[in-house]
C-alpha cells in the first residue's frame, strides 16, 4: 500500500514473521539483545533521569496492570509504563 506509513509497513512485516523465517543466528542474537535491554533497563532504573520521570508519571497512576521496572507496587497505564521503562533503557 503506497499510503501506508513506514512504521505500519514494518509492523506488517514483523506481524507476518514466525520462527521458521528466522535463522538460528538471528534467534540467538535476538535473545542476547533482549537480555541486554533488560540488564541496561534495570540498571537505568537507578539513574536520576529515570527517578524524575517516575516521579512525574505518578500523576498517571492507575490500577491497570502495567508496572515499571524496579517498582512492582506502582502501576501505570501501559503507554506510560512503556515510556518510563524506555527511559530506563
N, C-alpha and C. Protein backbone atom coordinates (compact mmCIF):
# COMPACT_ATOMS: atom_id res chain seq x y z
N UNK A 1 0.84 -1.18 0.00
CA UNK A 1 0.00 0.00 0.00
C UNK A 1 0.88 1.25 0.00
N UNK A 2 0.79 2.08 -1.04
CA UNK A 2 1.64 3.27 -1.10
C UNK A 2 1.36 4.27 0.01
N UNK A 3 0.14 4.31 0.53
CA UNK A 3 -0.19 5.30 1.56
C UNK A 3 0.16 4.82 2.97
N UNK A 4 0.61 3.58 3.10
CA UNK A 4 0.94 3.06 4.42
C UNK A 4 2.24 3.69 4.92
N UNK A 5 2.29 3.98 6.21
CA UNK A 5 3.48 4.59 6.78
C UNK A 5 4.62 3.56 6.84
N UNK A 6 5.81 4.05 7.01
CA UNK A 6 6.96 3.16 7.16
C UNK A 6 6.77 2.29 8.39
N UNK A 7 6.32 2.89 9.47
CA UNK A 7 6.10 2.12 10.70
C UNK A 7 5.03 1.06 10.49
N UNK A 8 3.95 1.41 9.82
CA UNK A 8 2.89 0.44 9.55
C UNK A 8 3.37 -0.69 8.66
N UNK A 9 4.17 -0.37 7.67
CA UNK A 9 4.73 -1.38 6.79
C UNK A 9 5.66 -2.31 7.56
N UNK A 10 6.51 -1.74 8.40
CA UNK A 10 7.42 -2.53 9.22
C UNK A 10 6.64 -3.45 10.16
N UNK A 11 5.60 -2.92 10.77
CA UNK A 11 4.77 -3.72 11.67
C UNK A 11 4.11 -4.87 10.93
N UNK A 12 3.68 -4.64 9.70
CA UNK A 12 3.06 -5.71 8.90
C UNK A 12 4.05 -6.84 8.61
N UNK A 13 5.28 -6.46 8.28
CA UNK A 13 6.31 -7.47 8.03
C UNK A 13 6.59 -8.27 9.29
N UNK A 14 6.76 -7.59 10.42
CA UNK A 14 7.03 -8.27 11.69
C UNK A 14 5.87 -9.18 12.06
N UNK A 15 4.65 -8.70 11.87
CA UNK A 15 3.47 -9.49 12.21
C UNK A 15 3.41 -10.79 11.40
N UNK A 16 3.90 -10.75 10.18
CA UNK A 16 3.87 -11.92 9.31
C UNK A 16 4.99 -12.92 9.55
N UNK A 17 5.93 -12.57 10.42
CA UNK A 17 7.05 -13.48 10.69
C UNK A 17 6.66 -14.58 11.66
N UNK A 18 7.31 -15.72 11.51
CA UNK A 18 7.23 -16.76 12.53
C UNK A 18 8.63 -17.37 12.66
N UNK A 19 8.81 -18.25 13.62
CA UNK A 19 10.14 -18.79 13.93
C UNK A 19 10.78 -19.48 12.72
N UNK A 20 9.98 -20.02 11.83
CA UNK A 20 10.53 -20.69 10.65
C UNK A 20 11.22 -19.73 9.69
N UNK A 21 10.91 -18.45 9.77
CA UNK A 21 11.53 -17.44 8.92
C UNK A 21 12.90 -17.00 9.43
N UNK A 22 13.23 -17.34 10.66
CA UNK A 22 14.43 -16.84 11.30
C UNK A 22 15.53 -17.90 11.34
N UNK A 23 16.76 -17.48 11.13
CA UNK A 23 17.89 -18.39 11.25
C UNK A 23 18.25 -18.55 12.72
N UNK A 24 19.00 -19.59 13.04
CA UNK A 24 19.45 -19.79 14.42
C UNK A 24 20.27 -18.60 14.90
N UNK A 25 21.07 -18.02 14.02
CA UNK A 25 21.89 -16.87 14.39
C UNK A 25 21.00 -15.67 14.76
N UNK A 26 19.96 -15.44 14.00
CA UNK A 26 19.05 -14.33 14.30
C UNK A 26 18.35 -14.57 15.64
N UNK A 27 17.94 -15.78 15.89
CA UNK A 27 17.27 -16.10 17.16
C UNK A 27 18.22 -15.88 18.34
N UNK A 28 19.45 -16.36 18.22
CA UNK A 28 20.42 -16.20 19.30
C UNK A 28 20.76 -14.73 19.55
N UNK A 29 20.95 -13.97 18.48
CA UNK A 29 21.25 -12.54 18.63
C UNK A 29 20.06 -11.80 19.24
N UNK A 30 18.87 -12.18 18.85
CA UNK A 30 17.67 -11.55 19.40
C UNK A 30 17.56 -11.81 20.89
N UNK A 31 17.82 -13.04 21.30
CA UNK A 31 17.78 -13.37 22.73
C UNK A 31 18.81 -12.55 23.49
N UNK A 32 19.99 -12.40 22.92
CA UNK A 32 21.04 -11.62 23.57
C UNK A 32 20.63 -10.15 23.68
N UNK A 33 20.01 -9.62 22.63
CA UNK A 33 19.56 -8.23 22.67
C UNK A 33 18.47 -8.01 23.70
N UNK A 34 17.57 -8.98 23.83
CA UNK A 34 16.51 -8.87 24.84
C UNK A 34 17.12 -8.86 26.24
N UNK A 35 18.07 -9.77 26.49
CA UNK A 35 18.74 -9.79 27.79
C UNK A 35 19.51 -8.50 28.04
N UNK A 36 20.16 -7.98 27.01
CA UNK A 36 20.89 -6.72 27.14
C UNK A 36 19.94 -5.58 27.48
N UNK A 37 18.80 -5.53 26.83
CA UNK A 37 17.81 -4.49 27.10
C UNK A 37 17.33 -4.57 28.55
N UNK A 38 17.05 -5.78 29.02
CA UNK A 38 16.60 -5.94 30.40
C UNK A 38 17.69 -5.50 31.38
N UNK A 39 18.93 -5.91 31.13
CA UNK A 39 20.03 -5.54 32.02
C UNK A 39 20.25 -4.04 32.06
N UNK A 40 20.30 -3.41 30.90
CA UNK A 40 20.50 -1.96 30.83
C UNK A 40 19.31 -1.24 31.47
N UNK A 41 18.11 -1.73 31.21
CA UNK A 41 16.91 -1.11 31.77
C UNK A 41 16.85 -1.20 33.28
N UNK A 42 17.22 -2.35 33.81
CA UNK A 42 17.22 -2.49 35.27
C UNK A 42 18.26 -1.59 35.91
N UNK A 43 19.42 -1.50 35.30
CA UNK A 43 20.45 -0.58 35.80
C UNK A 43 19.97 0.86 35.66
N UNK A 44 19.30 1.15 34.56
CA UNK A 44 18.81 2.50 34.30
C UNK A 44 17.77 2.99 35.29
N UNK A 45 17.11 2.07 35.98
CA UNK A 45 16.10 2.49 36.97
C UNK A 45 16.72 3.26 38.13
N UNK A 46 18.03 3.15 38.29
CA UNK A 46 18.69 3.85 39.39
C UNK A 46 19.26 5.21 38.98
N UNK A 47 19.01 5.64 37.75
CA UNK A 47 19.53 6.93 37.29
C UNK A 47 18.63 8.08 37.72
N UNK A 48 19.22 9.26 37.77
CA UNK A 48 18.46 10.45 38.18
C UNK A 48 17.32 10.75 37.22
N UNK A 49 17.58 10.64 35.92
CA UNK A 49 16.54 10.94 34.94
C UNK A 49 15.37 9.97 35.06
N UNK A 50 15.65 8.72 35.32
CA UNK A 50 14.57 7.74 35.49
C UNK A 50 13.76 8.05 36.75
N UNK A 51 14.44 8.46 37.82
CA UNK A 51 13.72 8.84 39.05
C UNK A 51 12.79 10.03 38.78
N UNK A 52 13.28 11.00 38.01
CA UNK A 52 12.45 12.17 37.71
C UNK A 52 11.23 11.79 36.88
N UNK A 53 11.44 10.95 35.87
CA UNK A 53 10.32 10.53 35.02
C UNK A 53 9.32 9.71 35.83
N UNK A 54 9.83 8.87 36.71
CA UNK A 54 8.95 8.07 37.57
C UNK A 54 8.11 8.97 38.47
N UNK A 55 8.75 9.95 39.09
CA UNK A 55 8.02 10.88 39.97
C UNK A 55 6.96 11.64 39.18
N UNK A 56 7.32 12.13 38.00
CA UNK A 56 6.36 12.85 37.16
C UNK A 56 5.19 11.95 36.78
N UNK A 57 5.49 10.70 36.44
CA UNK A 57 4.46 9.78 35.95
C UNK A 57 3.47 9.35 37.02
N UNK A 58 3.79 9.60 38.28
CA UNK A 58 2.88 9.20 39.36
C UNK A 58 1.52 9.87 39.24
N UNK A 59 1.43 10.99 38.53
CA UNK A 59 0.13 11.63 38.35
C UNK A 59 -0.78 10.78 37.46
N UNK A 60 -0.20 9.81 36.74
CA UNK A 60 -0.97 8.93 35.86
C UNK A 60 -1.22 7.56 36.48
N UNK A 61 -0.91 7.39 37.75
CA UNK A 61 -1.06 6.11 38.42
C UNK A 61 -2.48 5.55 38.24
N UNK A 62 -2.56 4.23 38.07
CA UNK A 62 -3.87 3.61 37.90
C UNK A 62 -3.80 2.15 38.35
N UNK A 63 -4.94 1.49 38.29
CA UNK A 63 -5.00 0.07 38.66
C UNK A 63 -4.75 -0.84 37.46
N UNK A 64 -4.48 -0.26 36.32
CA UNK A 64 -4.18 -1.08 35.14
C UNK A 64 -2.89 -1.84 35.40
N UNK A 65 -2.78 -3.05 34.88
CA UNK A 65 -1.76 -3.98 35.32
C UNK A 65 -0.36 -3.82 34.73
N UNK A 66 0.03 -2.63 34.30
CA UNK A 66 1.39 -2.43 33.81
C UNK A 66 2.25 -1.84 34.91
N UNK A 67 3.39 -2.47 35.14
CA UNK A 67 4.31 -1.98 36.16
C UNK A 67 5.56 -1.42 35.49
N UNK A 68 6.31 -0.66 36.25
CA UNK A 68 7.59 -0.18 35.76
C UNK A 68 8.68 -0.95 36.49
N UNK A 69 9.79 -1.13 35.81
CA UNK A 69 10.89 -1.91 36.37
C UNK A 69 11.39 -1.28 37.66
N UNK A 70 11.57 -2.13 38.65
CA UNK A 70 12.08 -1.66 39.93
C UNK A 70 11.02 -1.13 40.87
N UNK A 71 9.77 -1.09 40.44
CA UNK A 71 8.67 -0.56 41.27
C UNK A 71 7.43 -1.43 41.06
N UNK A 72 7.48 -2.65 41.52
CA UNK A 72 6.38 -3.59 41.26
C UNK A 72 5.06 -3.19 41.90
N UNK A 73 5.11 -2.30 42.90
CA UNK A 73 3.88 -1.88 43.56
C UNK A 73 3.28 -0.61 42.94
N UNK A 74 3.92 -0.10 41.91
CA UNK A 74 3.49 1.14 41.26
C UNK A 74 2.99 0.81 39.87
N UNK A 75 1.72 1.08 39.60
CA UNK A 75 1.11 0.74 38.31
C UNK A 75 0.80 1.99 37.50
N UNK A 76 1.00 1.84 36.20
CA UNK A 76 0.70 2.93 35.26
C UNK A 76 -0.07 2.37 34.08
N UNK A 77 -0.79 3.22 33.36
CA UNK A 77 -1.35 2.76 32.09
C UNK A 77 -0.19 2.28 31.19
N UNK A 78 -0.45 1.31 30.34
CA UNK A 78 0.63 0.71 29.54
C UNK A 78 1.49 1.72 28.78
N UNK A 79 0.91 2.75 28.22
CA UNK A 79 1.67 3.74 27.46
C UNK A 79 2.72 4.43 28.35
N UNK A 80 2.33 4.80 29.57
CA UNK A 80 3.23 5.49 30.46
C UNK A 80 4.26 4.54 31.06
N UNK A 81 3.87 3.31 31.35
CA UNK A 81 4.83 2.31 31.84
C UNK A 81 5.90 2.06 30.78
N UNK A 82 5.49 1.95 29.53
CA UNK A 82 6.45 1.75 28.44
C UNK A 82 7.39 2.95 28.33
N UNK A 83 6.86 4.15 28.52
CA UNK A 83 7.69 5.34 28.47
C UNK A 83 8.74 5.32 29.57
N UNK A 84 8.32 5.06 30.81
CA UNK A 84 9.26 5.04 31.93
C UNK A 84 10.31 3.94 31.75
N UNK A 85 9.87 2.76 31.34
CA UNK A 85 10.82 1.67 31.11
C UNK A 85 11.77 2.00 29.96
N UNK A 86 11.26 2.67 28.94
CA UNK A 86 12.11 3.09 27.83
C UNK A 86 13.16 4.11 28.27
N UNK A 87 12.78 5.02 29.14
CA UNK A 87 13.75 5.98 29.67
C UNK A 87 14.84 5.23 30.46
N UNK A 88 14.44 4.22 31.19
CA UNK A 88 15.42 3.44 31.96
C UNK A 88 16.43 2.77 31.02
N UNK A 89 15.96 2.28 29.89
CA UNK A 89 16.85 1.63 28.92
C UNK A 89 17.76 2.68 28.30
